[in-house]
């Protein structure tokens, strides 16, 4: 049991480092080969830990009765700084590739290009706008602490959705970042989904109606399933960009569904 707990803590630390710009002590990577096939089980927990400062800021701003839209954008700014805009970068690249690619090879080539195109810009504007609007609505409907818990619950759900997308599709590039990180093991992917659902229930059951929680989970699942189907048809597998984009798709859907249900 002690060994299993230590292994899980190591996986959490590695997941935090992979999913954010937060510095993690080097001891957690001693002897590690860089693959995340098992560590992905800790993605939902890592998502919660990464967003704790953003959630705390949200609660404080709500207690101070700061304007909801200003509060929402400030929270998203902190969240983006913590993650290094990794997921937003994936969303932008995926939108450019899927929107502008004529075939598989051109789509992959566009995704690899560091320049941002019109599809990517539109995707980012919609992402921040929709998330900010949903957060503002949630802050209006729930108490400050409940609103912070909702943000953390969405963080767990969206990171679990990333793992599902990653595990459901094969690598589109044999030499890509996602391929180098390793395909998630089925057991690890299942553990991520179970822990993500457990965190959502733990954080939201005391504060949000069951209909709202169910709507949030179903919306995130449906959105990522639809996105994964489009990605599969377009390029035949996942990339690092589509994995990041899947988090954004799930986060947008989850926040919007929860806001509409409250």
C-alpha atoms as a PDB file:
ATOM      1  CA  UNK A   1       0.000   0.000   0.000  1.00  0.00           C
ATOM      2  CA  UNK A   2       2.826   2.387   0.913  1.00  0.00           C
ATOM      3  CA  UNK A   3       4.626   1.642  -2.361  1.00  0.00           C
ATOM      4  CA  UNK A   4       1.407   2.172  -4.359  1.00  0.00           C
ATOM      5  CA  UNK A   5       0.777   5.498  -2.643  1.00  0.00           C
ATOM      6  CA  UNK A   6       4.331   6.636  -3.334  1.00  0.00           C
ATOM      7  CA  UNK A   7       3.983   5.621  -6.994  1.00  0.00           C
ATOM      8  CA  UNK A   8       0.734   7.573  -7.259  1.00  0.00           C
ATOM      9  CA  UNK A   9       2.292  10.663  -5.680  1.00  0.00           C
ATOM     10  CA  UNK A  10       5.122  10.398  -8.219  1.00  0.00           C
ATOM     11  CA  UNK A  11       2.550  10.166 -11.014  1.00  0.00           C
ATOM     12  CA  UNK A  12       0.753  13.254  -9.684  1.00  0.00           C
ATOM     13  CA  UNK A  13       4.012  15.220  -9.593  1.00  0.00           C
ATOM     14  CA  UNK A  14       4.946  14.148 -13.128  1.00  0.00           C
ATOM     15  CA  UNK A  15       1.454  14.981 -14.367  1.00  0.00           C
ATOM     16  CA  UNK A  16       1.609  18.450 -12.818  1.00  0.00           C
ATOM     17  CA  UNK A  17       4.924  19.049 -14.598  1.00  0.00           C
ATOM     18  CA  UNK A  18       3.539  17.766 -17.913  1.00  0.00           C
ATOM     19  CA  UNK A  19       0.290  19.754 -17.771  1.00  0.00           C
ATOM     20  CA  UNK A  20       1.598  23.068 -16.463  1.00  0.00           C
ATOM     21  CA  UNK A  21       4.515  25.434 -16.047  1.00  0.00           C
ATOM     22  CA  UNK A  22       4.729  24.712 -12.319  1.00  0.00           C
ATOM     23  CA  UNK A  23       8.224  23.641 -11.267  1.00  0.00           C
ATOM     24  CA  UNK A  24       8.371  20.164  -9.746  1.00  0.00           C
ATOM     25  CA  UNK A  25      11.379  18.860  -7.737  1.00  0.00           C
ATOM     26  CA  UNK A  26      13.757  16.729  -9.798  1.00  0.00           C
ATOM     27  CA  UNK A  27      13.546  13.774  -7.399  1.00  0.00           C
ATOM     28  CA  UNK A  28      10.203  12.819  -8.933  1.00  0.00           C
ATOM     29  CA  UNK A  29      11.907  12.182 -12.278  1.00  0.00           C
ATOM     30  CA  UNK A  30      14.921  10.170 -11.145  1.00  0.00           C
ATOM     31  CA  UNK A  31      15.025   6.992 -13.197  1.00  0.00           C
ATOM     32  CA  UNK A  32      11.930   7.990 -15.134  1.00  0.00           C
ATOM     33  CA  UNK A  33      11.958   7.459 -18.912  1.00  0.00           C
ATOM     34  CA  UNK A  34       9.565  10.320 -19.668  1.00  0.00           C
ATOM     35  CA  UNK A  35       6.659   8.101 -20.676  1.00  0.00           C
ATOM     36  CA  UNK A  36       3.226   8.789 -19.192  1.00  0.00           C
ATOM     37  CA  UNK A  37       1.402   5.566 -20.036  1.00  0.00           C
ATOM     38  CA  UNK A  38       0.602   4.971 -16.361  1.00  0.00           C
ATOM     39  CA  UNK A  39       1.000   8.498 -14.960  1.00  0.00           C
ATOM     40  CA  UNK A  40      -2.085   9.686 -16.894  1.00  0.00           C
ATOM     41  CA  UNK A  41      -4.193   8.100 -14.137  1.00  0.00           C
ATOM     42  CA  UNK A  42      -3.252  11.124 -12.027  1.00  0.00           C
ATOM     43  CA  UNK A  43      -4.288  13.779 -14.591  1.00  0.00           C
ATOM     44  CA  UNK A  44      -7.591  14.696 -12.858  1.00  0.00           C
ATOM     45  CA  UNK A  45      -5.865  15.106  -9.493  1.00  0.00           C
ATOM     46  CA  UNK A  46      -3.072  17.102 -11.122  1.00  0.00           C
ATOM     47  CA  UNK A  47      -5.638  19.342 -12.812  1.00  0.00           C
ATOM     48  CA  UNK A  48      -7.162  20.206  -9.438  1.00  0.00           C
ATOM     49  CA  UNK A  49      -3.765  20.980  -7.896  1.00  0.00           C
ATOM     50  CA  UNK A  50      -2.723  23.153 -10.837  1.00  0.00           C
ATOM     51  CA  UNK A  51      -5.870  25.259 -10.653  1.00  0.00           C
ATOM     52  CA  UNK A  52      -5.958  25.724  -6.868  1.00  0.00           C
ATOM     53  CA  UNK A  53      -4.527  29.290  -7.080  1.00  0.00           C
ATOM     54  CA  UNK A  54      -7.069  30.240  -9.770  1.00  0.00           C
ATOM     55  CA  UNK A  55      -9.898  28.752  -7.710  1.00  0.00           C
ATOM     56  CA  UNK A  56      -8.750  30.634  -4.600  1.00  0.00           C
ATOM     57  CA  UNK A  57      -8.680  33.881  -6.576  1.00  0.00           C
ATOM     58  CA  UNK A  58     -12.198  33.191  -7.867  1.00  0.00           C
ATOM     59  CA  UNK A  59     -13.496  32.690  -4.324  1.00  0.00           C
ATOM     60  CA  UNK A  60     -11.837  35.890  -3.056  1.00  0.00           C
ATOM     61  CA  UNK A  61     -13.126  37.976  -5.969  1.00  0.00           C
ATOM     62  CA  UNK A  62     -16.629  36.598  -5.480  1.00  0.00           C
ATOM     63  CA  UNK A  63     -16.512  37.398  -1.760  1.00  0.00           C
ATOM     64  CA  UNK A  64     -15.442  40.960  -2.614  1.00  0.00           C
ATOM     65  CA  UNK A  65     -18.381  41.142  -5.034  1.00  0.00           C
ATOM     66  CA  UNK A  66     -16.139  42.039  -7.959  1.00  0.00           C
ATOM     67  CA  UNK A  67     -17.913  42.316 -11.309  1.00  0.00           C
ATOM     68  CA  UNK A  68     -18.466  38.727 -12.526  1.00  0.00           C
ATOM     69  CA  UNK A  69     -17.003  39.211 -16.020  1.00  0.00           C
ATOM     70  CA  UNK A  70     -13.901  40.952 -14.698  1.00  0.00           C
ATOM     71  CA  UNK A  71     -13.481  38.195 -12.129  1.00  0.00           C
ATOM     72  CA  UNK A  72     -13.905  35.490 -14.766  1.00  0.00           C
ATOM     73  CA  UNK A  73     -11.261  36.953 -17.063  1.00  0.00           C
ATOM     74  CA  UNK A  74      -8.826  37.456 -14.175  1.00  0.00           C
ATOM     75  CA  UNK A  75      -9.306  33.828 -13.138  1.00  0.00           C
ATOM     76  CA  UNK A  76      -8.740  32.668 -16.723  1.00  0.00           C
ATOM     77  CA  UNK A  77      -5.595  34.811 -16.906  1.00  0.00           C
ATOM     78  CA  UNK A  78      -4.164  33.135 -13.805  1.00  0.00           C
ATOM     79  CA  UNK A  79      -5.210  29.734 -15.101  1.00  0.00           C
ATOM     80  CA  UNK A  80      -3.461  30.397 -18.415  1.00  0.00           C
ATOM     81  CA  UNK A  81      -0.281  31.502 -16.651  1.00  0.00           C
ATOM     82  CA  UNK A  82      -0.285  28.321 -14.563  1.00  0.00           C
ATOM     83  CA  UNK A  83      -0.737  26.016 -17.556  1.00  0.00           C
ATOM     84  CA  UNK A  84       1.503  28.023 -19.854  1.00  0.00           C
ATOM     85  CA  UNK A  85      -1.385  28.139 -22.354  1.00  0.00           C
ATOM     86  CA  UNK A  86      -0.467  24.581 -23.327  1.00  0.00           C
ATOM     87  CA  UNK A  87      -4.048  23.522 -23.965  1.00  0.00           C
ATOM     88  CA  UNK A  88      -4.941  26.779 -25.716  1.00  0.00           C
ATOM     89  CA  UNK A  89      -1.941  26.286 -28.004  1.00  0.00           C
ATOM     90  CA  UNK A  90      -3.211  22.809 -28.853  1.00  0.00           C
ATOM     91  CA  UNK A  91      -6.689  24.158 -29.547  1.00  0.00           C
ATOM     92  CA  UNK A  92      -5.332  26.850 -31.848  1.00  0.00           C
ATOM     93  CA  UNK A  93      -3.104  24.468 -33.811  1.00  0.00           C
ATOM     94  CA  UNK A  94      -5.816  21.819 -34.064  1.00  0.00           C
ATOM     95  CA  UNK A  95      -8.368  24.373 -35.275  1.00  0.00           C
ATOM     96  CA  UNK A  96      -5.975  25.642 -37.944  1.00  0.00           C
ATOM     97  CA  UNK A  97      -5.129  22.121 -39.097  1.00  0.00           C
ATOM     98  CA  UNK A  98      -8.643  20.706 -39.120  1.00  0.00           C
ATOM     99  CA  UNK A  99     -10.144  23.870 -40.565  1.00  0.00           C
ATOM    100  CA  UNK A 100      -7.539  24.550 -43.213  1.00  0.00           C
ATOM    101  CA  UNK A 101      -6.105  21.127 -44.081  1.00  0.00           C
ATOM    102  CA  UNK A 102      -7.183  19.590 -47.381  1.00  0.00           C
ATOM    103  CA  UNK A 103      -5.990  16.094 -46.507  1.00  0.00           C
ATOM    104  CA  UNK A 104      -4.196  14.208 -43.743  1.00  0.00           C
ATOM    105  CA  UNK A 105      -0.694  15.377 -44.635  1.00  0.00           C
ATOM    106  CA  UNK A 106      -1.606  19.029 -45.070  1.00  0.00           C
ATOM    107  CA  UNK A 107      -3.568  18.955 -41.810  1.00  0.00           C
ATOM    108  CA  UNK A 108      -0.588  17.562 -39.896  1.00  0.00           C
ATOM    109  CA  UNK A 109       1.737  20.044 -41.583  1.00  0.00           C
ATOM    110  CA  UNK A 110      -0.450  22.997 -40.584  1.00  0.00           C
ATOM    111  CA  UNK A 111      -0.657  21.733 -36.994  1.00  0.00           C
ATOM    112  CA  UNK A 112       3.117  21.576 -36.811  1.00  0.00           C
ATOM    113  CA  UNK A 113       3.482  25.160 -38.073  1.00  0.00           C
ATOM    114  CA  UNK A 114       4.090  27.549 -35.170  1.00  0.00           C
ATOM    115  CA  UNK A 115       2.207  30.382 -36.880  1.00  0.00           C
ATOM    116  CA  UNK A 116      -1.423  31.003 -35.880  1.00  0.00           C
ATOM    117  CA  UNK A 117      -4.056  31.184 -38.615  1.00  0.00           C
ATOM    118  CA  UNK A 118      -7.578  32.559 -38.731  1.00  0.00           C
ATOM    119  CA  UNK A 119      -9.173  29.318 -37.519  1.00  0.00           C
ATOM    120  CA  UNK A 120      -6.856  29.268 -34.525  1.00  0.00           C
ATOM    121  CA  UNK A 121      -7.566  32.890 -33.629  1.00  0.00           C
ATOM    122  CA  UNK A 122     -11.331  32.353 -33.824  1.00  0.00           C
ATOM    123  CA  UNK A 123     -11.049  29.211 -31.699  1.00  0.00           C
ATOM    124  CA  UNK A 124      -9.112  31.075 -28.994  1.00  0.00           C
ATOM    125  CA  UNK A 125     -11.516  34.022 -28.953  1.00  0.00           C
ATOM    126  CA  UNK A 126     -14.473  31.659 -28.623  1.00  0.00           C
ATOM    127  CA  UNK A 127     -12.712  29.609 -25.947  1.00  0.00           C
ATOM    128  CA  UNK A 128     -11.952  32.550 -23.680  1.00  0.00           C
ATOM    129  CA  UNK A 129     -15.270  34.241 -24.375  1.00  0.00           C
ATOM    130  CA  UNK A 130     -17.403  31.182 -23.714  1.00  0.00           C
ATOM    131  CA  UNK A 131     -15.460  30.157 -20.610  1.00  0.00           C
ATOM    132  CA  UNK A 132     -15.541  33.660 -19.162  1.00  0.00           C
ATOM    133  CA  UNK A 133     -19.281  33.978 -19.805  1.00  0.00           C
ATOM    134  CA  UNK A 134     -19.957  30.602 -18.205  1.00  0.00           C
ATOM    135  CA  UNK A 135     -17.760  31.364 -15.193  1.00  0.00           C
ATOM    136  CA  UNK A 136     -19.511  34.709 -14.692  1.00  0.00           C
ATOM    137  CA  UNK A 137     -22.893  32.948 -14.732  1.00  0.00           C
ATOM    138  CA  UNK A 138     -21.681  30.280 -12.299  1.00  0.00           C
ATOM    139  CA  UNK A 139     -20.341  32.928  -9.912  1.00  0.00           C
ATOM    140  CA  UNK A 140     -23.709  34.666  -9.989  1.00  0.00           C
ATOM    141  CA  UNK A 141     -25.643  31.466  -9.281  1.00  0.00           C
ATOM    142  CA  UNK A 142     -23.402  29.821  -6.668  1.00  0.00           C
ATOM    143  CA  UNK A 143     -21.649  30.894  -3.492  1.00  0.00           C
ATOM    144  CA  UNK A 144     -17.956  31.901  -3.688  1.00  0.00           C
ATOM    145  CA  UNK A 145     -16.733  28.554  -2.315  1.00  0.00           C
ATOM    146  CA  UNK A 146     -19.119  26.569  -4.511  1.00  0.00           C
ATOM    147  CA  UNK A 147     -17.994  28.528  -7.572  1.00  0.00           C
ATOM    148  CA  UNK A 148     -14.356  27.720  -6.772  1.00  0.00           C
ATOM    149  CA  UNK A 149     -15.273  24.058  -6.345  1.00  0.00           C
ATOM    150  CA  UNK A 150     -17.014  24.133  -9.730  1.00  0.00           C
ATOM    151  CA  UNK A 151     -13.835  25.424 -11.378  1.00  0.00           C
ATOM    152  CA  UNK A 152     -11.814  22.609  -9.789  1.00  0.00           C
ATOM    153  CA  UNK A 153     -14.423  20.016 -10.747  1.00  0.00           C
ATOM    154  CA  UNK A 154     -14.252  21.128 -14.366  1.00  0.00           C
ATOM    155  CA  UNK A 155     -10.445  20.948 -14.190  1.00  0.00           C
ATOM    156  CA  UNK A 156     -10.669  17.296 -13.110  1.00  0.00           C
ATOM    157  CA  UNK A 157     -13.318  16.414 -15.704  1.00  0.00           C
ATOM    158  CA  UNK A 158     -11.466  18.049 -18.596  1.00  0.00           C
ATOM    159  CA  UNK A 159      -8.166  16.332 -17.724  1.00  0.00           C
ATOM    160  CA  UNK A 160      -9.962  12.978 -17.580  1.00  0.00           C
ATOM    161  CA  UNK A 161     -11.403  13.766 -21.023  1.00  0.00           C
ATOM    162  CA  UNK A 162      -7.864  14.365 -22.310  1.00  0.00           C
ATOM    163  CA  UNK A 163      -6.865  10.885 -21.239  1.00  0.00           C
ATOM    164  CA  UNK A 164      -9.912   9.340 -22.921  1.00  0.00           C
ATOM    165  CA  UNK A 165      -9.133  11.091 -26.225  1.00  0.00           C
ATOM    166  CA  UNK A 166      -5.469  10.095 -25.949  1.00  0.00           C
ATOM    167  CA  UNK A 167      -6.259   6.453 -25.227  1.00  0.00           C
ATOM    168  CA  UNK A 168      -9.102   6.115 -27.746  1.00  0.00           C
ATOM    169  CA  UNK A 169      -7.030   7.067 -30.811  1.00  0.00           C
ATOM    170  CA  UNK A 170      -3.647   5.837 -32.052  1.00  0.00           C
ATOM    171  CA  UNK A 171      -0.784   8.314 -32.582  1.00  0.00           C
ATOM    172  CA  UNK A 172      -1.123  10.177 -35.883  1.00  0.00           C
ATOM    173  CA  UNK A 173       2.653  10.667 -36.028  1.00  0.00           C
ATOM    174  CA  UNK A 174       5.074   7.910 -34.985  1.00  0.00           C
ATOM    175  CA  UNK A 175       7.660  10.524 -34.000  1.00  0.00           C
ATOM    176  CA  UNK A 176       5.361  13.082 -32.367  1.00  0.00           C
ATOM    177  CA  UNK A 177       5.355  14.356 -28.797  1.00  0.00           C
ATOM    178  CA  UNK A 178       2.279  12.292 -27.928  1.00  0.00           C
ATOM    179  CA  UNK A 179       3.839   9.114 -29.314  1.00  0.00           C
ATOM    180  CA  UNK A 180       7.033   9.735 -27.344  1.00  0.00           C
ATOM    181  CA  UNK A 181       5.000  10.140 -24.143  1.00  0.00           C
ATOM    182  CA  UNK A 182       3.454   6.719 -24.692  1.00  0.00           C
ATOM    183  CA  UNK A 183      -0.063   5.472 -25.285  1.00  0.00           C
ATOM    184  CA  UNK A 184      -2.084   5.455 -22.034  1.00  0.00           C
ATOM    185  CA  UNK A 185      -2.621   1.981 -20.638  1.00  0.00           C
ATOM    186  CA  UNK A 186      -6.252   0.934 -20.508  1.00  0.00           C
ATOM    187  CA  UNK A 187      -6.206   0.525 -16.732  1.00  0.00           C
ATOM    188  CA  UNK A 188      -4.622   3.951 -16.255  1.00  0.00           C
ATOM    189  CA  UNK A 189      -7.203   5.560 -18.559  1.00  0.00           C
ATOM    190  CA  UNK A 190     -10.026   3.905 -16.638  1.00  0.00           C
ATOM    191  CA  UNK A 191      -8.528   5.088 -13.351  1.00  0.00           C
ATOM    192  CA  UNK A 192      -8.413   8.651 -14.705  1.00  0.00           C
ATOM    193  CA  UNK A 193     -12.076   8.521 -15.709  1.00  0.00           C
ATOM    194  CA  UNK A 194     -13.149   7.060 -12.366  1.00  0.00           C
ATOM    195  CA  UNK A 195     -11.097   9.522 -10.313  1.00  0.00           C
ATOM    196  CA  UNK A 196     -12.301  12.417 -12.458  1.00  0.00           C
ATOM    197  CA  UNK A 197     -15.932  11.454 -11.856  1.00  0.00           C
ATOM    198  CA  UNK A 198     -15.288  10.986  -8.135  1.00  0.00           C
ATOM    199  CA  UNK A 199     -13.675  14.435  -7.833  1.00  0.00           C
ATOM    200  CA  UNK A 200     -16.585  16.051  -9.690  1.00  0.00           C
ATOM    201  CA  UNK A 201     -19.115  14.457  -7.352  1.00  0.00           C
ATOM    202  CA  UNK A 202     -17.089  15.241  -4.237  1.00  0.00           C
ATOM    203  CA  UNK A 203     -16.742  18.908  -5.132  1.00  0.00           C
ATOM    204  CA  UNK A 204     -20.164  19.606  -6.615  1.00  0.00           C
ATOM    205  CA  UNK A 205     -22.704  17.426  -4.820  1.00  0.00           C
ATOM    206  CA  UNK A 206     -22.849  19.686  -1.740  1.00  0.00           C
ATOM    207  CA  UNK A 207     -23.334  22.836  -3.821  1.00  0.00           C
ATOM    208  CA  UNK A 208     -24.892  22.177  -7.234  1.00  0.00           C
ATOM    209  CA  UNK A 209     -28.095  20.406  -8.298  1.00  0.00           C
ATOM    210  CA  UNK A 210     -27.719  16.864  -9.567  1.00  0.00           C
ATOM    211  CA  UNK A 211     -29.146  17.911 -12.943  1.00  0.00           C
ATOM    212  CA  UNK A 212     -26.382  20.469 -13.298  1.00  0.00           C
ATOM    213  CA  UNK A 213     -23.686  17.938 -12.461  1.00  0.00           C
ATOM    214  CA  UNK A 214     -25.116  15.376 -14.871  1.00  0.00           C
ATOM    215  CA  UNK A 215     -25.436  18.008 -17.621  1.00  0.00           C
ATOM    216  CA  UNK A 216     -21.824  19.042 -17.104  1.00  0.00           C
ATOM    217  CA  UNK A 217     -20.451  15.509 -17.337  1.00  0.00           C
ATOM    218  CA  UNK A 218     -22.603  14.528 -20.315  1.00  0.00           C
ATOM    219  CA  UNK A 219     -21.795  17.715 -22.213  1.00  0.00           C
ATOM    220  CA  UNK A 220     -18.044  17.263 -21.721  1.00  0.00           C
ATOM    221  CA  UNK A 221     -18.212  13.607 -22.742  1.00  0.00           C
ATOM    222  CA  UNK A 222     -20.322  14.318 -25.837  1.00  0.00           C
ATOM    223  CA  UNK A 223     -18.120  17.220 -26.932  1.00  0.00           C
ATOM    224  CA  UNK A 224     -14.874  15.242 -26.643  1.00  0.00           C
ATOM    225  CA  UNK A 225     -16.444  12.200 -28.339  1.00  0.00           C
ATOM    226  CA  UNK A 226     -17.554  14.362 -31.273  1.00  0.00           C
ATOM    227  CA  UNK A 227     -14.168  16.104 -31.437  1.00  0.00           C
ATOM    228  CA  UNK A 228     -12.332  12.765 -31.372  1.00  0.00           C
ATOM    229  CA  UNK A 229     -14.533  11.490 -34.215  1.00  0.00           C
ATOM    230  CA  UNK A 230     -13.633  14.534 -36.330  1.00  0.00           C
ATOM    231  CA  UNK A 231      -9.921  14.112 -35.531  1.00  0.00           C
ATOM    232  CA  UNK A 232     -10.056  10.408 -36.405  1.00  0.00           C
ATOM    233  CA  UNK A 233     -11.673  11.131 -39.753  1.00  0.00           C
ATOM    234  CA  UNK A 234      -9.253  13.956 -40.528  1.00  0.00           C
ATOM    235  CA  UNK A 235      -5.851  12.562 -39.503  1.00  0.00           C
ATOM    236  CA  UNK A 236      -6.531   9.023 -38.248  1.00  0.00           C
ATOM    237  CA  UNK A 237      -5.170   9.527 -34.746  1.00  0.00           C
ATOM    238  CA  UNK A 238      -4.206  11.931 -31.997  1.00  0.00           C
ATOM    239  CA  UNK A 239      -1.353  14.420 -31.755  1.00  0.00           C
ATOM    240  CA  UNK A 240      -0.120  16.532 -28.885  1.00  0.00           C
ATOM    241  CA  UNK A 241      -2.221  19.360 -30.286  1.00  0.00           C
ATOM    242  CA  UNK A 242      -5.443  17.363 -30.395  1.00  0.00           C
ATOM    243  CA  UNK A 243      -4.857  16.114 -26.840  1.00  0.00           C
ATOM    244  CA  UNK A 244      -4.532  19.700 -25.641  1.00  0.00           C
ATOM    245  CA  UNK A 245      -7.532  20.737 -27.723  1.00  0.00           C
ATOM    246  CA  UNK A 246      -9.627  17.951 -26.202  1.00  0.00           C
ATOM    247  CA  UNK A 247      -9.085  19.513 -22.764  1.00  0.00           C
ATOM    248  CA  UNK A 248     -10.310  22.855 -24.052  1.00  0.00           C
ATOM    249  CA  UNK A 249     -13.332  21.318 -25.769  1.00  0.00           C
ATOM    250  CA  UNK A 250     -14.273  19.480 -22.561  1.00  0.00           C
ATOM    251  CA  UNK A 251     -13.698  22.547 -20.371  1.00  0.00           C
ATOM    252  CA  UNK A 252     -15.835  24.807 -22.566  1.00  0.00           C
ATOM    253  CA  UNK A 253     -18.658  22.252 -22.771  1.00  0.00           C
ATOM    254  CA  UNK A 254     -18.577  21.495 -19.042  1.00  0.00           C
ATOM    255  CA  UNK A 255     -18.610  25.145 -17.946  1.00  0.00           C
ATOM    256  CA  UNK A 256     -21.333  26.085 -20.426  1.00  0.00           C
ATOM    257  CA  UNK A 257     -23.557  23.147 -19.492  1.00  0.00           C
ATOM    258  CA  UNK A 258     -23.183  23.809 -15.765  1.00  0.00           C
ATOM    259  CA  UNK A 259     -23.924  27.507 -16.222  1.00  0.00           C
ATOM    260  CA  UNK A 260     -27.049  26.754 -18.282  1.00  0.00           C
ATOM    261  CA  UNK A 261     -28.299  24.214 -15.727  1.00  0.00           C
ATOM    262  CA  UNK A 262     -27.985  26.480 -12.675  1.00  0.00           C
END
